N, C-alpha and C. Protein backbone atom coordinates (compact mmCIF):
# COMPACT_ATOMS: atom_id res chain seq x y z
N UNK A 1 77.88 37.04 49.47
CA UNK A 1 78.43 35.73 49.25
C UNK A 1 79.11 35.69 47.88
N UNK A 2 80.36 35.24 47.86
CA UNK A 2 81.08 35.10 46.60
C UNK A 2 80.60 33.84 45.89
N UNK A 3 80.42 33.91 44.57
CA UNK A 3 79.98 32.72 43.84
C UNK A 3 81.07 31.66 43.81
N UNK A 4 80.68 30.40 43.65
CA UNK A 4 81.67 29.33 43.60
C UNK A 4 82.51 29.42 42.33
N UNK A 5 83.68 28.83 42.38
CA UNK A 5 84.56 28.76 41.21
C UNK A 5 84.52 27.34 40.67
N UNK A 6 84.58 27.21 39.36
CA UNK A 6 84.60 25.89 38.73
C UNK A 6 86.02 25.35 38.79
N UNK A 7 86.20 24.24 39.47
CA UNK A 7 87.49 23.58 39.52
C UNK A 7 87.63 22.67 38.30
N UNK A 8 86.59 21.90 38.01
CA UNK A 8 86.59 21.06 36.82
C UNK A 8 85.16 20.72 36.44
N UNK A 9 84.99 20.47 35.15
CA UNK A 9 83.71 19.98 34.65
C UNK A 9 84.00 19.10 33.44
N UNK A 10 83.48 17.88 33.48
CA UNK A 10 83.66 17.01 32.33
C UNK A 10 82.36 16.26 32.08
N UNK A 11 82.14 15.97 30.80
CA UNK A 11 80.95 15.24 30.40
C UNK A 11 81.38 14.02 29.60
N UNK A 12 80.75 12.91 29.89
CA UNK A 12 81.03 11.66 29.19
C UNK A 12 79.74 11.20 28.53
N UNK A 13 79.81 10.95 27.22
CA UNK A 13 78.63 10.46 26.51
C UNK A 13 78.28 9.07 27.00
N UNK A 14 77.00 8.86 27.19
CA UNK A 14 76.51 7.54 27.55
C UNK A 14 75.99 6.87 26.28
N UNK A 15 76.25 5.60 26.13
CA UNK A 15 75.77 4.87 24.97
C UNK A 15 74.29 4.60 25.15
N UNK A 16 73.51 5.08 24.21
CA UNK A 16 72.07 4.90 24.28
C UNK A 16 71.64 4.22 23.00
N UNK A 17 70.97 3.08 23.13
CA UNK A 17 70.53 2.33 21.96
C UNK A 17 69.61 3.21 21.11
N UNK A 18 69.97 3.38 19.86
CA UNK A 18 69.17 4.20 18.96
C UNK A 18 69.31 5.68 19.23
N UNK A 19 70.23 6.07 20.10
CA UNK A 19 70.39 7.49 20.45
C UNK A 19 71.41 8.20 19.58
N UNK A 20 71.53 9.48 19.78
CA UNK A 20 72.44 10.28 18.98
C UNK A 20 73.53 10.93 19.85
N UNK A 21 73.84 10.33 20.99
CA UNK A 21 74.87 10.89 21.86
C UNK A 21 74.38 12.07 22.66
N UNK A 22 73.07 12.20 22.84
CA UNK A 22 72.50 13.36 23.51
C UNK A 22 72.36 13.16 25.02
N UNK A 23 72.90 12.05 25.54
CA UNK A 23 72.81 11.78 26.97
C UNK A 23 74.23 11.76 27.52
N UNK A 24 74.48 12.56 28.57
CA UNK A 24 75.81 12.67 29.15
C UNK A 24 75.76 12.50 30.67
N UNK A 25 76.80 11.86 31.18
CA UNK A 25 77.05 11.85 32.61
C UNK A 25 78.03 13.00 32.86
N UNK A 26 77.61 13.97 33.67
CA UNK A 26 78.41 15.17 33.90
C UNK A 26 78.94 15.17 35.32
N UNK A 27 80.20 15.45 35.46
CA UNK A 27 80.88 15.50 36.76
C UNK A 27 81.45 16.92 36.91
N UNK A 28 81.02 17.63 37.95
CA UNK A 28 81.47 19.01 38.18
C UNK A 28 81.98 19.14 39.60
N UNK A 29 83.10 19.85 39.74
CA UNK A 29 83.65 20.16 41.06
C UNK A 29 83.68 21.68 41.19
N UNK A 30 83.06 22.18 42.25
CA UNK A 30 83.04 23.61 42.54
C UNK A 30 83.81 23.88 43.82
N UNK A 31 84.41 25.07 43.89
CA UNK A 31 85.13 25.51 45.07
C UNK A 31 84.41 26.70 45.66
N UNK A 32 84.08 26.63 46.95
CA UNK A 32 83.53 27.78 47.66
C UNK A 32 84.72 28.64 48.06
N UNK A 33 84.87 29.84 47.46
CA UNK A 33 86.05 30.66 47.74
C UNK A 33 86.11 31.20 49.16
N UNK A 34 84.98 31.27 49.84
CA UNK A 34 84.97 31.78 51.20
C UNK A 34 85.42 30.73 52.22
N UNK A 35 84.94 29.49 52.05
CA UNK A 35 85.26 28.44 53.02
C UNK A 35 86.37 27.50 52.56
N UNK A 36 86.64 27.49 51.27
CA UNK A 36 87.64 26.59 50.73
C UNK A 36 87.13 25.17 50.53
N UNK A 37 85.84 24.93 50.74
CA UNK A 37 85.29 23.59 50.59
C UNK A 37 84.97 23.29 49.12
N UNK A 38 85.08 22.01 48.79
CA UNK A 38 84.76 21.55 47.45
C UNK A 38 83.38 20.89 47.46
N UNK A 39 82.66 21.04 46.38
CA UNK A 39 81.38 20.38 46.19
C UNK A 39 81.48 19.58 44.89
N UNK A 40 81.13 18.30 44.95
CA UNK A 40 81.19 17.43 43.78
C UNK A 40 79.76 17.06 43.40
N UNK A 41 79.46 17.20 42.11
CA UNK A 41 78.13 16.89 41.60
C UNK A 41 78.25 15.99 40.39
N UNK A 42 77.43 14.95 40.33
CA UNK A 42 77.30 14.13 39.13
C UNK A 42 75.82 14.06 38.79
N UNK A 43 75.54 14.25 37.52
CA UNK A 43 74.15 14.18 37.08
C UNK A 43 74.07 13.72 35.63
N UNK A 44 72.85 13.36 35.22
CA UNK A 44 72.57 12.98 33.84
C UNK A 44 71.97 14.18 33.13
N UNK A 45 72.63 14.57 32.02
CA UNK A 45 72.14 15.69 31.20
C UNK A 45 71.62 15.12 29.89
N UNK A 46 70.39 15.49 29.52
CA UNK A 46 69.75 14.96 28.32
C UNK A 46 69.38 16.11 27.40
N UNK A 47 69.81 16.00 26.15
CA UNK A 47 69.40 16.95 25.11
C UNK A 47 68.12 16.39 24.52
N UNK A 48 67.03 17.13 24.68
CA UNK A 48 65.68 16.65 24.30
C UNK A 48 65.30 17.10 22.89
N UNK A 49 66.18 16.95 21.94
CA UNK A 49 65.83 17.33 20.58
C UNK A 49 66.31 16.25 19.63
N UNK A 50 65.47 15.37 19.22
CA UNK A 50 64.06 15.23 19.58
C UNK A 50 63.92 14.60 20.97
N UNK A 51 62.73 14.66 21.55
CA UNK A 51 62.54 14.04 22.87
C UNK A 51 62.90 12.56 22.83
N UNK A 52 63.49 12.10 23.92
CA UNK A 52 63.89 10.70 24.01
C UNK A 52 63.28 10.09 25.25
N UNK A 53 63.41 8.77 25.34
CA UNK A 53 62.95 8.09 26.55
C UNK A 53 63.75 8.54 27.76
N UNK A 54 64.98 9.00 27.54
CA UNK A 54 65.84 9.44 28.63
C UNK A 54 65.38 10.76 29.23
N UNK A 55 64.55 11.50 28.54
CA UNK A 55 64.10 12.81 29.05
C UNK A 55 63.50 12.70 30.44
N UNK A 56 62.74 11.65 30.69
CA UNK A 56 62.11 11.48 32.00
C UNK A 56 63.11 11.14 33.09
N UNK A 57 64.32 10.70 32.71
CA UNK A 57 65.33 10.31 33.69
C UNK A 57 66.40 11.37 33.90
N UNK A 58 66.40 12.41 33.09
CA UNK A 58 67.45 13.41 33.16
C UNK A 58 67.34 14.31 34.38
N UNK A 59 68.49 14.64 34.96
CA UNK A 59 68.55 15.63 36.04
C UNK A 59 68.59 17.03 35.46
N UNK A 60 69.17 17.15 34.25
CA UNK A 60 69.27 18.40 33.52
C UNK A 60 68.75 18.14 32.12
N UNK A 61 67.81 18.96 31.66
CA UNK A 61 67.23 18.81 30.32
C UNK A 61 67.52 20.06 29.50
N UNK A 62 67.92 19.85 28.24
CA UNK A 62 68.21 20.95 27.32
C UNK A 62 67.36 20.72 26.07
N UNK A 63 66.67 21.77 25.60
CA UNK A 63 65.83 21.62 24.42
C UNK A 63 65.82 22.92 23.61
N UNK A 64 65.61 22.81 22.31
CA UNK A 64 65.44 24.03 21.52
C UNK A 64 64.09 24.66 21.86
N UNK A 65 64.01 25.95 21.72
CA UNK A 65 62.78 26.66 22.00
C UNK A 65 63.09 28.05 22.50
N UNK A 66 62.07 28.80 22.80
CA UNK A 66 62.27 30.17 23.24
C UNK A 66 61.24 30.55 24.30
N UNK A 67 61.71 31.29 25.27
CA UNK A 67 60.83 31.92 26.23
C UNK A 67 60.62 31.16 27.52
N UNK A 68 60.16 31.93 28.49
CA UNK A 68 59.90 31.40 29.83
C UNK A 68 58.79 30.35 29.80
N UNK A 69 57.80 30.53 28.95
CA UNK A 69 56.70 29.58 28.87
C UNK A 69 57.16 28.21 28.42
N UNK A 70 58.04 28.16 27.44
CA UNK A 70 58.56 26.87 26.94
C UNK A 70 59.38 26.19 28.04
N UNK A 71 60.19 26.98 28.76
CA UNK A 71 60.98 26.40 29.87
C UNK A 71 60.06 25.85 30.95
N UNK A 72 58.99 26.56 31.24
CA UNK A 72 58.04 26.11 32.27
C UNK A 72 57.34 24.83 31.83
N UNK A 73 56.95 24.74 30.56
CA UNK A 73 56.29 23.52 30.08
C UNK A 73 57.23 22.32 30.13
N UNK A 74 58.49 22.52 29.75
CA UNK A 74 59.45 21.42 29.81
C UNK A 74 59.65 20.98 31.26
N UNK A 75 59.78 21.94 32.17
CA UNK A 75 59.95 21.60 33.60
C UNK A 75 58.73 20.85 34.12
N UNK A 76 57.55 21.27 33.72
CA UNK A 76 56.33 20.60 34.16
C UNK A 76 56.17 19.21 33.60
N UNK A 77 56.71 18.97 32.41
CA UNK A 77 56.56 17.65 31.78
C UNK A 77 57.54 16.63 32.36
N UNK A 78 58.60 17.09 33.01
CA UNK A 78 59.61 16.19 33.60
C UNK A 78 59.94 16.69 35.00
N UNK A 79 59.04 16.49 35.97
CA UNK A 79 59.23 17.07 37.30
C UNK A 79 60.45 16.55 38.06
N UNK A 80 61.07 15.47 37.59
CA UNK A 80 62.26 14.96 38.26
C UNK A 80 63.52 15.73 37.92
N UNK A 81 63.49 16.56 36.89
CA UNK A 81 64.66 17.32 36.48
C UNK A 81 64.85 18.52 37.42
N UNK A 82 66.06 18.70 37.90
CA UNK A 82 66.36 19.84 38.78
C UNK A 82 66.55 21.11 37.96
N UNK A 83 67.05 20.99 36.72
CA UNK A 83 67.30 22.15 35.88
C UNK A 83 66.82 21.84 34.46
N UNK A 84 66.12 22.80 33.85
CA UNK A 84 65.78 22.71 32.43
C UNK A 84 66.23 24.00 31.77
N UNK A 85 66.59 23.88 30.50
CA UNK A 85 67.00 25.05 29.73
C UNK A 85 66.49 24.91 28.31
N UNK A 86 65.93 25.98 27.79
CA UNK A 86 65.55 26.03 26.38
C UNK A 86 66.35 27.16 25.76
N UNK A 87 66.65 27.02 24.49
CA UNK A 87 67.52 28.01 23.85
C UNK A 87 67.14 28.22 22.39
N UNK A 88 67.44 29.40 21.93
CA UNK A 88 67.32 29.75 20.51
C UNK A 88 68.41 30.78 20.23
N UNK A 89 69.31 30.42 19.35
CA UNK A 89 70.38 31.33 18.97
C UNK A 89 71.24 31.71 20.16
N UNK A 90 71.36 32.99 20.39
CA UNK A 90 72.21 33.49 21.48
C UNK A 90 71.47 33.64 22.80
N UNK A 91 70.22 33.19 22.85
CA UNK A 91 69.44 33.34 24.08
C UNK A 91 69.09 31.99 24.68
N UNK A 92 69.04 31.97 26.01
CA UNK A 92 68.71 30.76 26.75
C UNK A 92 67.84 31.14 27.94
N UNK A 93 66.84 30.29 28.22
CA UNK A 93 65.97 30.48 29.38
C UNK A 93 66.15 29.26 30.27
N UNK A 94 66.69 29.47 31.43
CA UNK A 94 67.03 28.39 32.35
C UNK A 94 66.06 28.42 33.52
N UNK A 95 65.54 27.24 33.85
CA UNK A 95 64.60 27.15 34.97
C UNK A 95 65.07 26.09 35.95
N UNK A 96 65.41 26.52 37.17
CA UNK A 96 65.78 25.54 38.19
C UNK A 96 64.53 24.91 38.79
N UNK A 97 64.36 23.61 38.55
CA UNK A 97 63.23 22.87 39.11
C UNK A 97 61.92 23.15 38.44
N UNK A 98 60.91 22.48 38.90
CA UNK A 98 59.57 22.61 38.31
C UNK A 98 58.94 23.96 38.61
N UNK A 99 59.24 24.52 39.78
CA UNK A 99 58.58 25.76 40.19
C UNK A 99 59.52 26.96 40.29
N UNK A 100 60.77 26.82 39.90
CA UNK A 100 61.73 27.93 40.04
C UNK A 100 61.47 29.04 39.04
N UNK A 101 62.05 30.21 39.29
CA UNK A 101 61.91 31.31 38.35
C UNK A 101 62.77 31.06 37.11
N UNK A 102 62.33 31.53 35.97
CA UNK A 102 63.10 31.39 34.74
C UNK A 102 64.16 32.48 34.71
N UNK A 103 65.40 32.09 34.43
CA UNK A 103 66.52 33.02 34.39
C UNK A 103 66.97 33.13 32.93
N UNK A 104 66.79 34.31 32.31
CA UNK A 104 67.21 34.46 30.91
C UNK A 104 68.69 34.82 30.82
N UNK A 105 69.36 34.29 29.79
CA UNK A 105 70.75 34.59 29.51
C UNK A 105 70.91 34.94 28.03
N UNK A 106 71.95 35.70 27.74
CA UNK A 106 72.30 35.96 26.35
C UNK A 106 73.81 35.85 26.21
N UNK A 107 74.23 35.14 25.17
CA UNK A 107 75.66 34.97 24.91
C UNK A 107 76.17 36.20 24.17
N UNK A 108 77.38 36.58 24.50
CA UNK A 108 78.03 37.68 23.80
C UNK A 108 79.20 37.13 23.01
N UNK A 109 79.57 37.84 21.97
CA UNK A 109 80.75 37.46 21.21
C UNK A 109 80.40 36.58 20.02
N UNK A 110 81.44 36.28 19.22
CA UNK A 110 81.22 35.48 18.02
C UNK A 110 81.02 34.01 18.36
N UNK A 111 80.59 33.28 17.36
CA UNK A 111 80.44 31.84 17.54
C UNK A 111 79.01 31.45 17.86
N UNK A 112 78.80 30.15 17.85
CA UNK A 112 77.48 29.60 18.15
C UNK A 112 77.51 29.04 19.56
N UNK A 113 76.64 29.50 20.44
CA UNK A 113 76.69 29.10 21.85
C UNK A 113 76.00 27.78 22.17
N UNK A 114 75.68 26.99 21.16
CA UNK A 114 74.91 25.76 21.37
C UNK A 114 75.44 24.93 22.54
N UNK A 115 76.72 24.60 22.56
CA UNK A 115 77.29 23.79 23.63
C UNK A 115 77.38 24.53 24.95
N UNK A 116 77.45 25.86 24.89
CA UNK A 116 77.53 26.64 26.12
C UNK A 116 76.28 26.45 26.97
N UNK A 117 75.13 26.34 26.35
CA UNK A 117 73.90 26.20 27.13
C UNK A 117 73.91 24.89 27.90
N UNK A 118 74.49 23.84 27.32
CA UNK A 118 74.62 22.58 28.04
C UNK A 118 75.47 22.78 29.29
N UNK A 119 76.62 23.45 29.13
CA UNK A 119 77.53 23.66 30.26
C UNK A 119 76.91 24.57 31.33
N UNK A 120 76.20 25.62 30.91
CA UNK A 120 75.56 26.53 31.87
C UNK A 120 74.51 25.77 32.68
N UNK A 121 73.70 24.94 32.01
CA UNK A 121 72.66 24.17 32.72
C UNK A 121 73.30 23.19 33.70
N UNK A 122 74.40 22.55 33.31
CA UNK A 122 75.08 21.65 34.24
C UNK A 122 75.71 22.41 35.40
N UNK A 123 76.25 23.60 35.14
CA UNK A 123 76.77 24.43 36.23
C UNK A 123 75.65 24.82 37.18
N UNK A 124 74.47 25.13 36.64
CA UNK A 124 73.33 25.48 37.49
C UNK A 124 73.00 24.31 38.41
N UNK A 125 73.00 23.09 37.89
CA UNK A 125 72.71 21.92 38.71
C UNK A 125 73.75 21.80 39.82
N UNK A 126 75.02 21.94 39.48
CA UNK A 126 76.10 21.83 40.48
C UNK A 126 75.97 22.90 41.55
N UNK A 127 75.61 24.12 41.15
CA UNK A 127 75.45 25.21 42.13
C UNK A 127 74.29 24.93 43.08
N UNK A 128 73.17 24.41 42.55
CA UNK A 128 72.03 24.09 43.40
C UNK A 128 72.38 22.96 44.37
N UNK A 129 73.07 21.93 43.87
CA UNK A 129 73.48 20.83 44.74
C UNK A 129 74.42 21.33 45.83
N UNK A 130 75.25 22.33 45.50
CA UNK A 130 76.20 22.89 46.48
C UNK A 130 75.50 23.79 47.49
N UNK A 131 74.20 24.04 47.30
CA UNK A 131 73.44 24.83 48.27
C UNK A 131 73.30 26.30 47.94
N UNK A 132 73.63 26.70 46.72
CA UNK A 132 73.46 28.10 46.33
C UNK A 132 71.97 28.41 46.22
N UNK A 133 71.50 29.47 46.88
CA UNK A 133 70.07 29.81 46.79
C UNK A 133 69.68 30.19 45.36
N UNK A 134 68.49 29.83 44.94
CA UNK A 134 68.01 30.10 43.59
C UNK A 134 68.12 31.59 43.22
N UNK A 135 67.80 32.56 44.11
CA UNK A 135 67.92 33.96 43.71
C UNK A 135 69.35 34.37 43.33
N UNK A 136 70.36 33.66 43.84
CA UNK A 136 71.75 33.98 43.54
C UNK A 136 72.28 33.24 42.32
N UNK A 137 71.47 32.39 41.72
CA UNK A 137 71.93 31.51 40.66
C UNK A 137 72.39 32.26 39.41
N UNK A 138 71.60 33.22 38.93
CA UNK A 138 71.96 33.95 37.70
C UNK A 138 73.32 34.62 37.80
N UNK A 139 73.54 35.47 38.82
CA UNK A 139 74.85 36.11 38.95
C UNK A 139 75.98 35.10 39.18
N UNK A 140 75.71 34.03 39.90
CA UNK A 140 76.75 33.02 40.16
C UNK A 140 77.15 32.33 38.86
N UNK A 141 76.19 32.02 37.99
CA UNK A 141 76.52 31.37 36.73
C UNK A 141 77.34 32.28 35.84
N UNK A 142 77.01 33.56 35.82
CA UNK A 142 77.81 34.51 35.04
C UNK A 142 79.23 34.56 35.58
N UNK A 143 79.39 34.57 36.90
CA UNK A 143 80.73 34.61 37.49
C UNK A 143 81.48 33.31 37.24
N UNK A 144 80.80 32.17 37.34
CA UNK A 144 81.43 30.87 37.06
C UNK A 144 81.87 30.82 35.60
N UNK A 145 81.06 31.33 34.70
CA UNK A 145 81.41 31.31 33.29
C UNK A 145 82.68 32.10 33.03
N UNK A 146 82.87 33.18 33.78
CA UNK A 146 84.09 33.97 33.63
C UNK A 146 85.33 33.18 34.00
N UNK A 147 85.21 32.33 35.03
CA UNK A 147 86.37 31.62 35.56
C UNK A 147 86.46 30.17 35.11
N UNK A 148 85.52 29.74 34.27
CA UNK A 148 85.51 28.33 33.88
C UNK A 148 86.76 27.97 33.07
N UNK A 149 87.31 26.79 33.31
CA UNK A 149 88.54 26.41 32.63
C UNK A 149 88.40 26.24 31.12
N UNK A 150 87.18 26.07 30.61
CA UNK A 150 87.03 25.87 29.17
C UNK A 150 86.66 27.15 28.42
N UNK A 151 86.73 28.29 29.08
CA UNK A 151 86.53 29.56 28.41
C UNK A 151 85.12 29.82 27.92
N UNK A 152 84.14 29.61 28.76
CA UNK A 152 82.76 29.89 28.37
C UNK A 152 82.58 31.36 28.02
N UNK A 153 81.72 31.61 27.05
CA UNK A 153 81.32 32.97 26.75
C UNK A 153 80.52 33.49 27.93
N UNK A 154 80.69 34.75 28.27
CA UNK A 154 80.02 35.31 29.43
C UNK A 154 78.56 35.59 29.13
N UNK A 155 77.63 34.91 29.84
CA UNK A 155 76.22 35.24 29.67
C UNK A 155 75.89 36.47 30.51
N UNK A 156 74.92 37.24 30.06
CA UNK A 156 74.47 38.39 30.84
C UNK A 156 73.02 38.23 31.15
N UNK A 157 72.63 38.63 32.33
CA UNK A 157 71.22 38.54 32.76
C UNK A 157 70.46 39.65 32.08
N UNK A 158 69.32 39.31 31.53
CA UNK A 158 68.44 40.28 30.88
C UNK A 158 67.14 40.35 31.66
N UNK A 159 66.43 41.42 31.44
CA UNK A 159 65.13 41.55 32.08
C UNK A 159 64.21 40.45 31.59
N UNK A 160 63.37 39.89 32.46
CA UNK A 160 62.45 38.83 32.04
C UNK A 160 61.53 39.33 30.93
N UNK A 161 61.19 38.43 30.05
CA UNK A 161 60.26 38.76 28.99
C UNK A 161 58.84 38.80 29.51
N UNK A 162 57.99 39.62 28.90
CA UNK A 162 56.59 39.63 29.33
C UNK A 162 55.98 38.26 29.13
N UNK A 163 55.14 37.87 30.05
CA UNK A 163 54.49 36.56 29.98
C UNK A 163 53.21 36.69 29.16
N UNK A 164 53.19 36.00 28.06
CA UNK A 164 52.00 36.01 27.20
C UNK A 164 51.42 34.61 27.19
N UNK A 165 50.59 34.34 28.14
CA UNK A 165 49.93 33.05 28.22
C UNK A 165 50.87 31.90 28.49
N UNK A 166 52.00 32.21 29.16
CA UNK A 166 53.02 31.22 29.50
C UNK A 166 52.46 29.86 29.42
């Protein structure tokens, strides 16, 4: 199965009383290259640093941290989120849903990938809504990042880290 292509992705900040602009309404359109069908996804993405009241309402949660255990704890604390991602520096651990496997990524190239993790997590949500099976998610996100209109840095899948008391 060929991974979907990103036709468009845009995020609009939502005004949150006392917030710092960490809540976005994200609209993504994906194209299935095999069938030619489009999939449209809209979701709420919340940056949980620091945690906000919106964290419980987010479809996609992004937080600083490291490792599969941190991603699992965040997913468990907000079971309504379809995708959670934690990141530190050039590494990100993405977990689809409360019980999904953690998918590690690493950014290549210069620059700070902070915003890239937001886009990757939103792409993961759009791919899941489009019906992409979870085992195909990591390679599909890498392929989407290659073709994304905003020039995402290419993440590469790394071997899972050993679980130390996750």
